[in-house]
PDB file of N, CA and C in Angstrom:
ATOM      1  N   MET A   1     118.123 193.672 151.234  1.00  0.00           N
ATOM      2  CA  MET A   1     117.774 192.686 152.234  1.00  0.00           C
ATOM      3  C   MET A   1     116.348 191.882 151.518  1.00  0.00           C
ATOM      4  N   GLY A   2     116.382 190.506 151.773  1.00  0.00           N
ATOM      5  CA  GLY A   2     115.240 190.046 151.066  1.00  0.00           C
ATOM      6  C   GLY A   2     114.153 189.908 152.036  1.00  0.00           C
ATOM      7  N   ARG A   3     112.731 189.769 151.352  1.00  0.00           N
ATOM      8  CA  ARG A   3     111.651 189.635 151.897  1.00  0.00           C
ATOM      9  C   ARG A   3     111.452 188.289 152.786  1.00  0.00           C
ATOM     10  N   HIS A   4     111.086 188.173 154.112  1.00  0.00           N
ATOM     11  CA  HIS A   4     110.916 186.785 154.610  1.00  0.00           C
ATOM     12  C   HIS A   4     109.316 186.548 154.571  1.00  0.00           C
ATOM     13  N   ARG A   5     109.071 185.506 154.024  1.00  0.00           N
ATOM     14  CA  ARG A   5     107.509 185.153 153.994  1.00  0.00           C
ATOM     15  C   ARG A   5     107.334 183.712 154.067  1.00  0.00           C
ATOM     16  N   SER A   6     106.260 183.540 154.493  1.00  0.00           N
ATOM     17  CA  SER A   6     105.948 181.934 154.996  1.00  0.00           C
ATOM     18  C   SER A   6     105.663 181.238 153.547  1.00  0.00           C
ATOM     19  N   ASP A   7     106.024 179.796 153.882  1.00  0.00           N
ATOM     20  CA  ASP A   7     105.964 178.935 152.637  1.00  0.00           C
ATOM     21  C   ASP A   7     104.520 178.142 152.807  1.00  0.00           C
ATOM     22  N   PRO A   8     103.622 178.555 152.171  1.00  0.00           N
ATOM     23  CA  PRO A   8     102.317 177.872 152.663  1.00  0.00           C
ATOM     24  C   PRO A   8     102.516 176.309 152.101  1.00  0.00           C
ATOM     25  N   MET A   9     103.206 175.961 150.985  1.00  0.00           N
ATOM     26  CA  MET A   9     103.263 174.533 150.544  1.00  0.00           C
ATOM     27  C   MET A   9     104.249 173.624 151.283  1.00  0.00           C
ATOM     28  N   GLY A  10     105.137 174.443 152.071  1.00  0.00           N
ATOM     29  CA  GLY A  10     106.177 173.717 152.928  1.00  0.00           C
ATOM     30  C   GLY A  10     105.364 173.423 154.194  1.00  0.00           C
ATOM     31  N   VAL A  11     104.374 174.342 154.674  1.00  0.00           N
ATOM     32  CA  VAL A  11     103.689 173.980 155.631  1.00  0.00           C
ATOM     33  C   VAL A  11     102.635 172.701 155.510  1.00  0.00           C
ATOM     34  N   ALA A  12     102.004 172.927 154.484  1.00  0.00           N
ATOM     35  CA  ALA A  12     101.099 171.960 153.783  1.00  0.00           C
ATOM     36  C   ALA A  12     101.897 170.538 153.859  1.00  0.00           C
ATOM     37  N   ARG A  13     102.870 170.562 153.139  1.00  0.00           N
ATOM     38  CA  ARG A  13     103.624 169.360 153.186  1.00  0.00           C
ATOM     39  C   ARG A  13     103.945 168.579 154.555  1.00  0.00           C
ATOM     40  N   LEU A  14     104.314 169.549 155.397  1.00  0.00           N
ATOM     41  CA  LEU A  14     104.492 169.094 156.992  1.00  0.00           C
ATOM     42  C   LEU A  14     103.404 168.639 157.554  1.00  0.00           C
ATOM     43  N   VAL A  15     102.252 169.308 157.432  1.00  0.00           N
ATOM     44  CA  VAL A  15     100.894 168.726 158.042  1.00  0.00           C
ATOM     45  C   VAL A  15     100.461 167.596 157.347  1.00  0.00           C
ATOM     46  N   LEU A  16     100.642 167.388 156.075  1.00  0.00           N
ATOM     47  CA  LEU A  16     100.298 165.961 155.283  1.00  0.00           C
ATOM     48  C   LEU A  16     101.212 164.853 155.944  1.00  0.00           C
ATOM     49  N   ALA A  17     102.450 165.317 155.983  1.00  0.00           N
ATOM     50  CA  ALA A  17     103.237 163.959 156.382  1.00  0.00           C
ATOM     51  C   ALA A  17     102.932 163.877 158.041  1.00  0.00           C
ATOM     52  N   GLY A  18     102.598 164.800 158.741  1.00  0.00           N
ATOM     53  CA  GLY A  18     102.144 164.545 160.127  1.00  0.00           C
ATOM     54  C   GLY A  18     100.953 163.698 160.177  1.00  0.00           C
ATOM     55  N   LEU A  19      99.826 164.126 159.264  1.00  0.00           N
ATOM     56  CA  LEU A  19      98.717 163.392 159.337  1.00  0.00           C
ATOM     57  C   LEU A  19      99.042 161.867 158.750  1.00  0.00           C
ATOM     58  N   ALA A  20      99.958 161.661 157.797  1.00  0.00           N
ATOM     59  CA  ALA A  20     100.166 160.312 157.341  1.00  0.00           C
ATOM     60  C   ALA A  20     100.848 159.505 158.562  1.00  0.00           C
ATOM     61  N   VAL A  21     101.534 160.155 159.148  1.00  0.00           N
ATOM     62  CA  VAL A  21     102.177 159.317 160.480  1.00  0.00           C
ATOM     63  C   VAL A  21     101.078 159.017 161.324  1.00  0.00           C
ATOM     64  N   LEU A  22     100.200 159.820 161.570  1.00  0.00           N
ATOM     65  CA  LEU A  22      98.990 159.662 162.666  1.00  0.00           C
ATOM     66  C   LEU A  22      98.068 158.629 162.154  1.00  0.00           C
ATOM     67  N   VAL A  23      97.798 158.665 160.932  1.00  0.00           N
ATOM     68  CA  VAL A  23      96.916 157.551 160.201  1.00  0.00           C
ATOM     69  C   VAL A  23      97.609 156.142 160.292  1.00  0.00           C
ATOM     70  N   LEU A  24      98.937 155.966 160.087  1.00  0.00           N
ATOM     71  CA  LEU A  24      99.726 154.802 160.053  1.00  0.00           C
ATOM     72  C   LEU A  24      99.858 154.311 161.592  1.00  0.00           C
ATOM     73  N   VAL A  25     100.019 155.402 162.558  1.00  0.00           N
ATOM     74  CA  VAL A  25      99.988 154.916 163.743  1.00  0.00           C
ATOM     75  C   VAL A  25      98.598 154.203 164.445  1.00  0.00           C
ATOM     76  N   ALA A  26      97.535 154.839 163.691  1.00  0.00           N
ATOM     77  CA  ALA A  26      96.182 154.406 164.138  1.00  0.00           C
ATOM     78  C   ALA A  26      96.003 152.926 163.625  1.00  0.00           C
ATOM     79  N   LEU A  27      96.285 152.928 162.310  1.00  0.00           N
ATOM     80  CA  LEU A  27      96.169 151.609 161.614  1.00  0.00           C
ATOM     81  C   LEU A  27      97.068 150.506 162.417  1.00  0.00           C
ATOM     82  N   ILE A  28      98.103 150.776 162.838  1.00  0.00           N
ATOM     83  CA  ILE A  28      98.908 149.865 163.671  1.00  0.00           C
ATOM     84  C   ILE A  28      98.455 149.374 164.835  1.00  0.00           C
ATOM     85  N   VAL A  29      97.957 150.501 165.559  1.00  0.00           N
ATOM     86  CA  VAL A  29      97.223 150.320 167.037  1.00  0.00           C
ATOM     87  C   VAL A  29      96.117 149.397 166.758  1.00  0.00           C
ATOM     88  N   VAL A  30      95.127 149.758 165.700  1.00  0.00           N
ATOM     89  CA  VAL A  30      93.905 149.022 165.356  1.00  0.00           C
ATOM     90  C   VAL A  30      94.082 147.453 165.132  1.00  0.00           C
ATOM     91  N   GLY A  31      95.163 147.494 164.251  1.00  0.00           N
ATOM     92  CA  GLY A  31      95.567 145.926 163.794  1.00  0.00           C
ATOM     93  C   GLY A  31      96.125 145.231 164.813  1.00  0.00           C
ATOM     94  N   ILE A  32      96.683 145.845 165.887  1.00  0.00           N
ATOM     95  CA  ILE A  32      97.480 145.000 166.995  1.00  0.00           C
ATOM     96  C   ILE A  32      96.175 144.712 168.083  1.00  0.00           C
ATOM     97  N   LEU A  33      95.272 145.615 168.204  1.00  0.00           N
ATOM     98  CA  LEU A  33      94.099 145.341 169.130  1.00  0.00           C
ATOM     99  C   LEU A  33      93.224 144.237 168.629  1.00  0.00           C
ATOM    100  N   SER A  34      93.058 144.426 167.117  1.00  0.00           N
ATOM    101  CA  SER A  34      92.252 143.437 166.675  1.00  0.00           C
ATOM    102  C   SER A  34      92.831 142.047 166.840  1.00  0.00           C
ATOM    103  N   LEU A  35      94.215 141.912 166.463  1.00  0.00           N
ATOM    104  CA  LEU A  35      94.858 140.517 166.402  1.00  0.00           C
ATOM    105  C   LEU A  35      94.910 140.072 167.790  1.00  0.00           C
ATOM    106  N   ALA A  36      95.168 141.036 168.874  1.00  0.00           N
ATOM    107  CA  ALA A  36      95.126 140.519 170.427  1.00  0.00           C
ATOM    108  C   ALA A  36      93.697 140.018 170.451  1.00  0.00           C
ATOM    109  N   GLY A  37      92.605 140.597 170.121  1.00  0.00           N
ATOM    110  CA  GLY A  37      91.357 140.133 170.446  1.00  0.00           C
ATOM    111  C   GLY A  37      90.954 138.803 169.736  1.00  0.00           C
ATOM    112  N   VAL A  38      91.490 138.546 168.504  1.00  0.00           N
ATOM    113  CA  VAL A  38      91.287 137.310 167.928  1.00  0.00           C
ATOM    114  C   VAL A  38      92.076 136.061 168.376  1.00  0.00           C
ATOM    115  N   LEU A  39      93.325 136.398 168.841  1.00  0.00           N
ATOM    116  CA  LEU A  39      94.042 135.414 169.618  1.00  0.00           C
ATOM    117  C   LEU A  39      93.513 135.092 170.780  1.00  0.00           C
ATOM    118  N   GLY A  40      93.235 136.202 171.686  1.00  0.00           N
ATOM    119  CA  GLY A  40      92.538 136.030 173.061  1.00  0.00           C
ATOM    120  C   GLY A  40      91.307 135.385 172.975  1.00  0.00           C
ATOM    121  N   SER A  41      90.529 135.473 172.144  1.00  0.00           N
ATOM    122  CA  SER A  41      89.346 134.682 172.046  1.00  0.00           C
ATOM    123  C   SER A  41      89.332 133.203 171.696  1.00  0.00           C
ATOM    124  N   ALA A  42      90.522 133.075 170.801  1.00  0.00           N
ATOM    125  CA  ALA A  42      90.570 131.791 170.280  1.00  0.00           C
ATOM    126  C   ALA A  42      91.249 130.568 171.415  1.00  0.00           C
ATOM    127  N   SER A  43      91.889 131.304 172.277  1.00  0.00           N
ATOM    128  CA  SER A  43      92.466 130.518 173.599  1.00  0.00           C
ATOM    129  C   SER A  43      91.373 130.325 174.455  1.00  0.00           C
ATOM    130  N   GLU A  44      90.397 130.831 174.505  1.00  0.00           N
ATOM    131  CA  GLU A  44      89.228 130.623 175.465  1.00  0.00           C
ATOM    132  C   GLU A  44      88.393 129.182 174.889  1.00  0.00           C
ATOM    133  N   PRO A  45      88.062 128.496 175.900  1.00  0.00           N
ATOM    134  CA  PRO A  45      87.169 127.464 175.357  1.00  0.00           C
ATOM    135  C   PRO A  45      85.776 127.888 175.375  1.00  0.00           C
ATOM    136  N   THR A  46      85.086 127.464 174.062  1.00  0.00           N
ATOM    137  CA  THR A  46      83.877 127.943 173.871  1.00  0.00           C
ATOM    138  C   THR A  46      82.902 126.697 174.396  1.00  0.00           C
ATOM    139  N   ALA A  47      81.724 127.094 174.850  1.00  0.00           N
ATOM    140  CA  ALA A  47      80.781 126.084 175.177  1.00  0.00           C
ATOM    141  C   ALA A  47      80.226 125.408 173.731  1.00  0.00           C
ATOM    142  N   PRO A  48      79.909 124.193 174.082  1.00  0.00           N
ATOM    143  CA  PRO A  48      79.249 123.630 172.671  1.00  0.00           C
ATOM    144  C   PRO A  48      77.816 124.088 172.560  1.00  0.00           C
ATOM    145  N   PRO A  49      77.286 124.204 171.332  1.00  0.00           N
ATOM    146  CA  PRO A  49      76.024 124.629 171.436  1.00  0.00           C
ATOM    147  C   PRO A  49      75.033 123.631 171.787  1.00  0.00           C
ATOM    148  N   PRO A  50      73.928 123.912 172.315  1.00  0.00           N
ATOM    149  CA  PRO A  50      73.014 123.058 173.046  1.00  0.00           C
ATOM    150  C   PRO A  50      72.394 122.025 171.905  1.00  0.00           C
ATOM    151  N   SER A  51      72.241 120.804 172.408  1.00  0.00           N
ATOM    152  CA  SER A  51      71.837 120.018 171.331  1.00  0.00           C
ATOM    153  C   SER A  51      70.244 119.896 171.556  1.00  0.00           C
ATOM    154  N   ALA A  52      69.494 119.165 170.480  1.00  0.00           N
ATOM    155  CA  ALA A  52      68.098 119.365 170.415  1.00  0.00           C
ATOM    156  C   ALA A  52      67.406 118.597 171.627  1.00  0.00           C
ATOM    157  N   SER A  53      68.170 117.641 172.229  1.00  0.00           N
ATOM    158  CA  SER A  53      67.635 117.030 173.294  1.00  0.00           C
ATOM    159  C   SER A  53      67.547 117.925 174.798  1.00  0.00           C
ATOM    160  N   THR A  54      68.413 118.728 174.803  1.00  0.00           N
ATOM    161  CA  THR A  54      68.480 119.503 175.969  1.00  0.00           C
ATOM    162  C   THR A  54      67.659 120.689 175.899  1.00  0.00           C
ATOM    163  N   THR A  55      67.153 121.224 174.636  1.00  0.00           N
ATOM    164  CA  THR A  55      66.341 122.244 174.582  1.00  0.00           C
ATOM    165  C   THR A  55      64.702 121.946 174.584  1.00  0.00           C
ATOM    166  N   PRO A  56      63.873 122.686 175.366  1.00  0.00           N
ATOM    167  CA  PRO A  56      62.479 122.116 175.431  1.00  0.00           C
ATOM    168  C   PRO A  56      61.931 122.466 174.094  1.00  0.00           C
ATOM    169  N   SER A  57      61.273 121.530 173.590  1.00  0.00           N
ATOM    170  CA  SER A  57      60.322 121.568 172.553  1.00  0.00           C
ATOM    171  C   SER A  57      58.792 122.228 172.844  1.00  0.00           C
ATOM    172  N   ALA A  58      58.379 122.444 171.959  1.00  0.00           N
ATOM    173  CA  ALA A  58      56.900 123.230 172.000  1.00  0.00           C
ATOM    174  C   ALA A  58      55.816 122.171 172.329  1.00  0.00           C
ATOM    175  N   ALA A  59      56.049 120.786 171.792  1.00  0.00           N
ATOM    176  CA  ALA A  59      55.262 119.886 172.065  1.00  0.00           C
ATOM    177  C   ALA A  59      55.311 119.294 173.746  1.00  0.00           C
ATOM    178  N   SER A  60      56.291 119.409 174.401  1.00  0.00           N
ATOM    179  CA  SER A  60      56.325 119.066 175.844  1.00  0.00           C
ATOM    180  C   SER A  60      55.772 120.128 176.794  1.00  0.00           C
ATOM    181  N   ARG A  61      55.478 121.035 176.267  1.00  0.00           N
ATOM    182  CA  ARG A  61      54.783 122.283 177.232  1.00  0.00           C
ATOM    183  C   ARG A  61      53.514 121.729 177.521  1.00  0.00           C
TER     184      ARG A  61
END
């Protein structure tokens, strides 16, 4: 009868594969969130910067 022993390299490969999948999923989620943030902010109208005539100057105080 043969001895049953654990295969540390096999377990390590499974752990590395699991970590690779988790990193891939995390990168996809971050990419989707950043893309949604860029597309969401691009559709909102932005206010134009104030012109020099609307800002109070130091001389008029």
